[in-house]
Each structure stands twice: as structure tokens, then as C-alpha cells.
Amino acid sequence: MLLNDEVKLLQKLPYFSKVDACKLKLLAFASDRVCYDAGQVMFRQGDSSDAAYVLLRGKADLVVDTVAGEKKVGEAHAHSMVGEMCLLSEAPRGATARVTEPLEALRISRDCFLKVVSHNPQVSFQISRSMAETIRDAARAPGQALAKIPGLALAKLPERVD
């Protein structure tokens, strides 16, 4: 994939959609290209979070360890981003990313990301806002799913959680 193609892909992601193309070119250029085979682990639940990954091709399952065993909680696929919360937080990884199809990705380290956004606070604001919306939507989803279960008495859920 060419650098300009990587920039176009980054622009399609909600976190980077309003970021200047020149900044994205710098981010893509400074990022590492990594490849994984099916069955490999990109990162593990509990690991320190040092990078986000933009998947150029391939797929990975997101799984968490529970008392009942491993549970699949999501899937990352080509043209999506995984591990993005680490760009602004130093919290440990919340899930394991296990590759299910040969995968190629841009690995954006936190240090690289912070260097790029430090010269443009508006970039940081836009990304923070997009991440907050993602968290809000994820927090709302379980309640909405419960409300659809017939016979389950729940208080009316708000349409938006802000």
C-alpha cells in the first residue's frame, strides 16, 4: 500500500477524519508496518498499551478473559482501528487481539501520535471527542440490548447518554 493510500484510509476513520492530510501523511510515514499470521496475537489483555493499529488487510478477534473462560467481544477488520484508546490513555489493554486472517497493519505508537498532535491541539481535540463518542455509544449498547428482551422490566432508557 502506498503512503497516499494509507493517508486516504486514515481519513476514513472517525478519529482522523478531520485531521489535515499533511499531518496524516507524517503519521503514516512515522508508523511501523507490521504483519501477523493467523493465530498470532497482536497484543494481550493486561499488556501495557503503547500503540494503536490501523488494519490495512486481514482480521482479528478481540477476546477477554472471564471467570467462565475466554469470551469474544468484538472483531477488527481491514480499514478499521484497534487499540486506539491507548493513544490517550496509559491503561492496560482491555482485550486480547488474536489474528484470524493474515493481517497487515500500521502500528501507530503513542509517542509518534503525541509528536504529531503536539503541533496541532485541534487534532488532539477532534480525536478526543471522537473517542468520547465511541465510549458513550459502547456504554449505551448493553442497556439497549437488555431493553429488547421480552418480559424484562426495565426503566425506560434514555436515548442518549452524555
C-alpha atoms as a PDB file:
ATOM      1  CA  MET A   1       0.000   0.000   0.000  1.00  0.00           C
ATOM      2  CA  LEU A   2       1.331   3.431  -0.928  1.00  0.00           C
ATOM      3  CA  LEU A   3       1.680   6.271   1.562  1.00  0.00           C
ATOM      4  CA  ASN A   4      -1.112   8.272  -0.110  1.00  0.00           C
ATOM      5  CA  ASP A   5      -3.410   5.230   0.111  1.00  0.00           C
ATOM      6  CA  GLU A   6      -2.629   4.950   3.825  1.00  0.00           C
ATOM      7  CA  VAL A   7      -3.485   8.638   4.289  1.00  0.00           C
ATOM      8  CA  LYS A   8      -6.824   8.133   2.489  1.00  0.00           C
ATOM      9  CA  LEU A   9      -7.562   5.178   4.756  1.00  0.00           C
ATOM     10  CA  LEU A  10      -6.729   7.197   7.881  1.00  0.00           C
ATOM     11  CA  GLN A  11      -9.061   9.973   6.695  1.00  0.00           C
ATOM     12  CA  LYS A  12     -11.920   7.458   6.525  1.00  0.00           C
ATOM     13  CA  LEU A  13     -11.518   6.561  10.191  1.00  0.00           C
ATOM     14  CA  PRO A  14     -13.677   8.638  12.551  1.00  0.00           C
ATOM     15  CA  TYR A  15     -10.709   9.522  14.754  1.00  0.00           C
ATOM     16  CA  PHE A  16      -8.761  11.080  11.900  1.00  0.00           C
ATOM     17  CA  SER A  17     -11.495  12.292   9.533  1.00  0.00           C
ATOM     18  CA  LYS A  18     -10.956  15.970  10.361  1.00  0.00           C
ATOM     19  CA  VAL A  19      -7.179  15.867  10.559  1.00  0.00           C
ATOM     20  CA  ASP A  20      -5.180  17.681   7.897  1.00  0.00           C
ATOM     21  CA  ALA A  21      -3.807  15.334   5.212  1.00  0.00           C
ATOM     22  CA  CYS A  22      -0.250  16.626   5.762  1.00  0.00           C
ATOM     23  CA  LYS A  23      -0.409  15.594   9.442  1.00  0.00           C
ATOM     24  CA  LEU A  24      -1.804  12.199   8.461  1.00  0.00           C
ATOM     25  CA  LYS A  25       0.968  11.728   5.919  1.00  0.00           C
ATOM     26  CA  LEU A  26       3.508  12.388   8.660  1.00  0.00           C
ATOM     27  CA  LEU A  27       1.689   9.980  10.988  1.00  0.00           C
ATOM     28  CA  ALA A  28       1.519   7.237   8.343  1.00  0.00           C
ATOM     29  CA  PHE A  29       5.169   7.722   7.391  1.00  0.00           C
ATOM     30  CA  ALA A  30       6.315   7.563  11.025  1.00  0.00           C
ATOM     31  CA  SER A  31       4.207   4.478  11.796  1.00  0.00           C
ATOM     32  CA  ASP A  32       5.534   0.936  11.551  1.00  0.00           C
ATOM     33  CA  ARG A  33       4.112  -1.575   9.074  1.00  0.00           C
ATOM     34  CA  VAL A  34       3.568  -4.891  10.823  1.00  0.00           C
ATOM     35  CA  CYS A  35       2.377  -8.275   9.597  1.00  0.00           C
ATOM     36  CA  TYR A  36       0.869 -11.174  11.527  1.00  0.00           C
ATOM     37  CA  ASP A  37      -0.137 -14.693  10.535  1.00  0.00           C
ATOM     38  CA  ALA A  38      -3.415 -16.307  11.537  1.00  0.00           C
ATOM     39  CA  GLY A  39      -3.209 -17.471  15.152  1.00  0.00           C
ATOM     40  CA  GLN A  40      -0.698 -14.850  16.249  1.00  0.00           C
ATOM     41  CA  VAL A  41      -1.523 -12.358  18.967  1.00  0.00           C
ATOM     42  CA  MET A  42      -1.139  -8.627  18.271  1.00  0.00           C
ATOM     43  CA  PHE A  43      -1.439  -7.760  21.970  1.00  0.00           C
ATOM     44  CA  ARG A  44      -2.775  -9.352  25.139  1.00  0.00           C
ATOM     45  CA  GLN A  45      -5.307  -8.243  27.708  1.00  0.00           C
ATOM     46  CA  GLY A  46      -3.403  -6.582  30.554  1.00  0.00           C
ATOM     47  CA  ASP A  47      -0.373  -5.631  28.413  1.00  0.00           C
ATOM     48  CA  SER A  48       0.811  -2.061  28.579  1.00  0.00           C
ATOM     49  CA  SER A  49      -0.855  -0.085  25.833  1.00  0.00           C
ATOM     50  CA  ASP A  50       1.793   1.535  23.704  1.00  0.00           C
ATOM     51  CA  ALA A  51       0.296   1.615  20.199  1.00  0.00           C
ATOM     52  CA  ALA A  52      -2.855   1.548  18.121  1.00  0.00           C
ATOM     53  CA  TYR A  53      -3.237  -0.450  14.919  1.00  0.00           C
ATOM     54  CA  VAL A  54      -4.924   0.521  11.666  1.00  0.00           C
ATOM     55  CA  LEU A  55      -5.679  -2.682   9.792  1.00  0.00           C
ATOM     56  CA  LEU A  56      -4.776  -2.493   6.123  1.00  0.00           C
ATOM     57  CA  ARG A  57      -5.856  -6.077   5.422  1.00  0.00           C
ATOM     58  CA  GLY A  58      -6.874  -9.111   7.457  1.00  0.00           C
ATOM     59  CA  LYS A  59      -8.956  -9.711  10.545  1.00  0.00           C
ATOM     60  CA  ALA A  60      -8.545 -10.248  14.290  1.00  0.00           C
ATOM     61  CA  ASP A  61     -10.866 -11.322  17.088  1.00  0.00           C
ATOM     62  CA  LEU A  62     -10.985  -9.279  20.280  1.00  0.00           C
ATOM     63  CA  VAL A  63     -11.334 -11.546  23.296  1.00  0.00           C
ATOM     64  CA  VAL A  64     -11.371 -11.073  27.054  1.00  0.00           C
ATOM     65  CA  ASP A  65     -10.594 -13.489  29.844  1.00  0.00           C
ATOM     66  CA  THR A  66     -13.543 -14.051  32.178  1.00  0.00           C
ATOM     67  CA  VAL A  67     -14.152 -16.410  35.095  1.00  0.00           C
ATOM     68  CA  ALA A  68     -16.111 -18.567  32.639  1.00  0.00           C
ATOM     69  CA  GLY A  69     -13.215 -18.615  30.174  1.00  0.00           C
ATOM     70  CA  GLU A  70     -12.353 -16.630  27.077  1.00  0.00           C
ATOM     71  CA  LYS A  71     -15.166 -14.591  25.505  1.00  0.00           C
ATOM     72  CA  LYS A  72     -15.169 -12.932  22.082  1.00  0.00           C
ATOM     73  CA  VAL A  73     -16.247  -9.307  22.462  1.00  0.00           C
ATOM     74  CA  GLY A  74     -15.524  -7.953  19.007  1.00  0.00           C
ATOM     75  CA  GLU A  75     -13.760  -8.189  15.715  1.00  0.00           C
ATOM     76  CA  ALA A  76     -11.306  -5.909  13.951  1.00  0.00           C
ATOM     77  CA  HIS A  77     -11.189  -5.986  10.173  1.00  0.00           C
ATOM     78  CA  ALA A  78      -9.458  -4.273   7.270  1.00  0.00           C
ATOM     79  CA  HIS A  79      -9.917  -0.499   7.264  1.00  0.00           C
ATOM     80  CA  SER A  80     -10.627  -0.331  10.987  1.00  0.00           C
ATOM     81  CA  MET A  81      -8.601   0.656  14.026  1.00  0.00           C
ATOM     82  CA  VAL A  82      -7.938  -1.366  17.160  1.00  0.00           C
ATOM     83  CA  GLY A  83      -6.303  -0.349  20.420  1.00  0.00           C
ATOM     84  CA  GLU A  84      -6.957   3.336  19.816  1.00  0.00           C
ATOM     85  CA  MET A  85      -7.706   4.175  23.449  1.00  0.00           C
ATOM     86  CA  CYS A  86      -4.019   3.751  24.214  1.00  0.00           C
ATOM     87  CA  LEU A  87      -3.221   6.852  22.196  1.00  0.00           C
ATOM     88  CA  LEU A  88      -4.622   8.992  25.014  1.00  0.00           C
ATOM     89  CA  SER A  89      -4.529   6.605  27.976  1.00  0.00           C
ATOM     90  CA  GLU A  90      -1.847   4.519  29.623  1.00  0.00           C
ATOM     91  CA  ALA A  91      -4.334   1.982  30.990  1.00  0.00           C
ATOM     92  CA  PRO A  92      -3.530  -1.686  30.311  1.00  0.00           C
ATOM     93  CA  ARG A  93      -5.102  -3.398  27.311  1.00  0.00           C
ATOM     94  CA  GLY A  94      -8.712  -4.360  27.939  1.00  0.00           C
ATOM     95  CA  ALA A  95      -8.725  -7.271  25.487  1.00  0.00           C
ATOM     96  CA  THR A  96      -6.519  -9.623  23.508  1.00  0.00           C
ATOM     97  CA  ALA A  97      -6.339  -9.210  19.718  1.00  0.00           C
ATOM     98  CA  ARG A  98      -5.881 -12.616  18.070  1.00  0.00           C
ATOM     99  CA  VAL A  99      -5.342 -12.672  14.304  1.00  0.00           C
ATOM    100  CA  THR A 100      -7.825 -14.847  12.382  1.00  0.00           C
ATOM    101  CA  GLU A 101      -6.685 -13.999   8.825  1.00  0.00           C
ATOM    102  CA  PRO A 102      -3.210 -12.900   7.705  1.00  0.00           C
ATOM    103  CA  LEU A 103      -3.043  -9.280   8.741  1.00  0.00           C
ATOM    104  CA  GLU A 104      -1.086  -6.178   7.772  1.00  0.00           C
ATOM    105  CA  ALA A 105      -1.399  -3.004   9.825  1.00  0.00           C
ATOM    106  CA  LEU A 106       0.029   0.404  10.559  1.00  0.00           C
ATOM    107  CA  ARG A 107       1.294   0.379  14.127  1.00  0.00           C
ATOM    108  CA  ILE A 108       0.930   3.926  15.480  1.00  0.00           C
ATOM    109  CA  SER A 109       2.952   4.288  18.669  1.00  0.00           C
ATOM    110  CA  ARG A 110       1.691   6.636  21.357  1.00  0.00           C
ATOM    111  CA  ASP A 111       4.947   8.618  21.171  1.00  0.00           C
ATOM    112  CA  CYS A 112       4.607   9.080  17.397  1.00  0.00           C
ATOM    113  CA  PHE A 113       0.968  10.102  17.749  1.00  0.00           C
ATOM    114  CA  LEU A 114       1.714  12.614  20.511  1.00  0.00           C
ATOM    115  CA  LYS A 115       4.523  14.197  18.492  1.00  0.00           C
ATOM    116  CA  VAL A 116       2.205  14.716  15.544  1.00  0.00           C
ATOM    117  CA  VAL A 117      -0.673  16.167  17.572  1.00  0.00           C
ATOM    118  CA  SER A 118       1.518  18.313  19.820  1.00  0.00           C
ATOM    119  CA  HIS A 119       1.924  20.763  16.953  1.00  0.00           C
ATOM    120  CA  ASN A 120      -1.821  20.951  16.388  1.00  0.00           C
ATOM    121  CA  PRO A 121      -4.041  20.939  19.502  1.00  0.00           C
ATOM    122  CA  GLN A 122      -7.162  20.912  17.299  1.00  0.00           C
ATOM    123  CA  VAL A 123      -6.160  17.429  16.099  1.00  0.00           C
ATOM    124  CA  SER A 124      -5.987  16.205  19.682  1.00  0.00           C
ATOM    125  CA  PHE A 125      -9.384  17.742  20.444  1.00  0.00           C
ATOM    126  CA  GLN A 126     -11.046  16.108  17.433  1.00  0.00           C
ATOM    127  CA  ILE A 127      -9.617  12.704  18.271  1.00  0.00           C
ATOM    128  CA  SER A 128     -10.535  13.021  21.967  1.00  0.00           C
ATOM    129  CA  ARG A 129     -14.081  13.988  21.008  1.00  0.00           C
ATOM    130  CA  SER A 130     -14.424  11.050  18.632  1.00  0.00           C
ATOM    131  CA  MET A 131     -13.122   8.633  21.281  1.00  0.00           C
ATOM    132  CA  ALA A 132     -15.558  10.036  23.857  1.00  0.00           C
ATOM    133  CA  GLU A 133     -18.432   9.427  21.431  1.00  0.00           C
ATOM    134  CA  THR A 134     -17.239   5.866  20.885  1.00  0.00           C
ATOM    135  CA  ILE A 135     -17.146   5.235  24.640  1.00  0.00           C
ATOM    136  CA  ARG A 136     -20.593   6.791  25.071  1.00  0.00           C
ATOM    137  CA  ASP A 137     -22.057   4.594  22.331  1.00  0.00           C
ATOM    138  CA  ALA A 138     -20.435   1.469  23.785  1.00  0.00           C
ATOM    139  CA  ALA A 139     -21.790   2.274  27.246  1.00  0.00           C
ATOM    140  CA  ARG A 140     -25.296   2.730  25.851  1.00  0.00           C
ATOM    141  CA  ALA A 141     -25.326  -0.513  23.830  1.00  0.00           C
ATOM    142  CA  PRO A 142     -25.715  -3.079  26.680  1.00  0.00           C
ATOM    143  CA  GLY A 143     -28.722  -1.246  28.137  1.00  0.00           C
ATOM    144  CA  GLN A 144     -30.419  -1.036  24.760  1.00  0.00           C
ATOM    145  CA  ALA A 145     -29.872  -4.759  24.203  1.00  0.00           C
ATOM    146  CA  LEU A 146     -31.454  -5.569  27.590  1.00  0.00           C
ATOM    147  CA  ALA A 147     -34.465  -3.380  26.808  1.00  0.00           C
ATOM    148  CA  LYS A 148     -35.257  -5.590  23.790  1.00  0.00           C
ATOM    149  CA  ILE A 149     -35.635  -8.760  25.874  1.00  0.00           C
ATOM    150  CA  PRO A 150     -39.375  -9.596  26.138  1.00  0.00           C
ATOM    151  CA  GLY A 151     -40.711  -9.682  29.686  1.00  0.00           C
ATOM    152  CA  LEU A 152     -37.735  -7.933  31.232  1.00  0.00           C
ATOM    153  CA  ALA A 153     -38.955  -4.974  33.267  1.00  0.00           C
ATOM    154  CA  LEU A 154     -36.533  -2.087  32.901  1.00  0.00           C
ATOM    155  CA  ALA A 155     -36.970   1.596  33.335  1.00  0.00           C
ATOM    156  CA  LYS A 156     -37.102   3.495  30.066  1.00  0.00           C
ATOM    157  CA  LEU A 157     -33.559   4.024  28.890  1.00  0.00           C
ATOM    158  CA  PRO A 158     -32.507   7.464  27.731  1.00  0.00           C
ATOM    159  CA  GLU A 159     -31.886   7.846  24.013  1.00  0.00           C
ATOM    160  CA  ARG A 160     -28.504   9.480  24.675  1.00  0.00           C
ATOM    161  CA  VAL A 161     -26.003   9.074  27.437  1.00  0.00           C
ATOM    162  CA  ASP A 162     -23.850  12.182  27.695  1.00  0.00           C
END
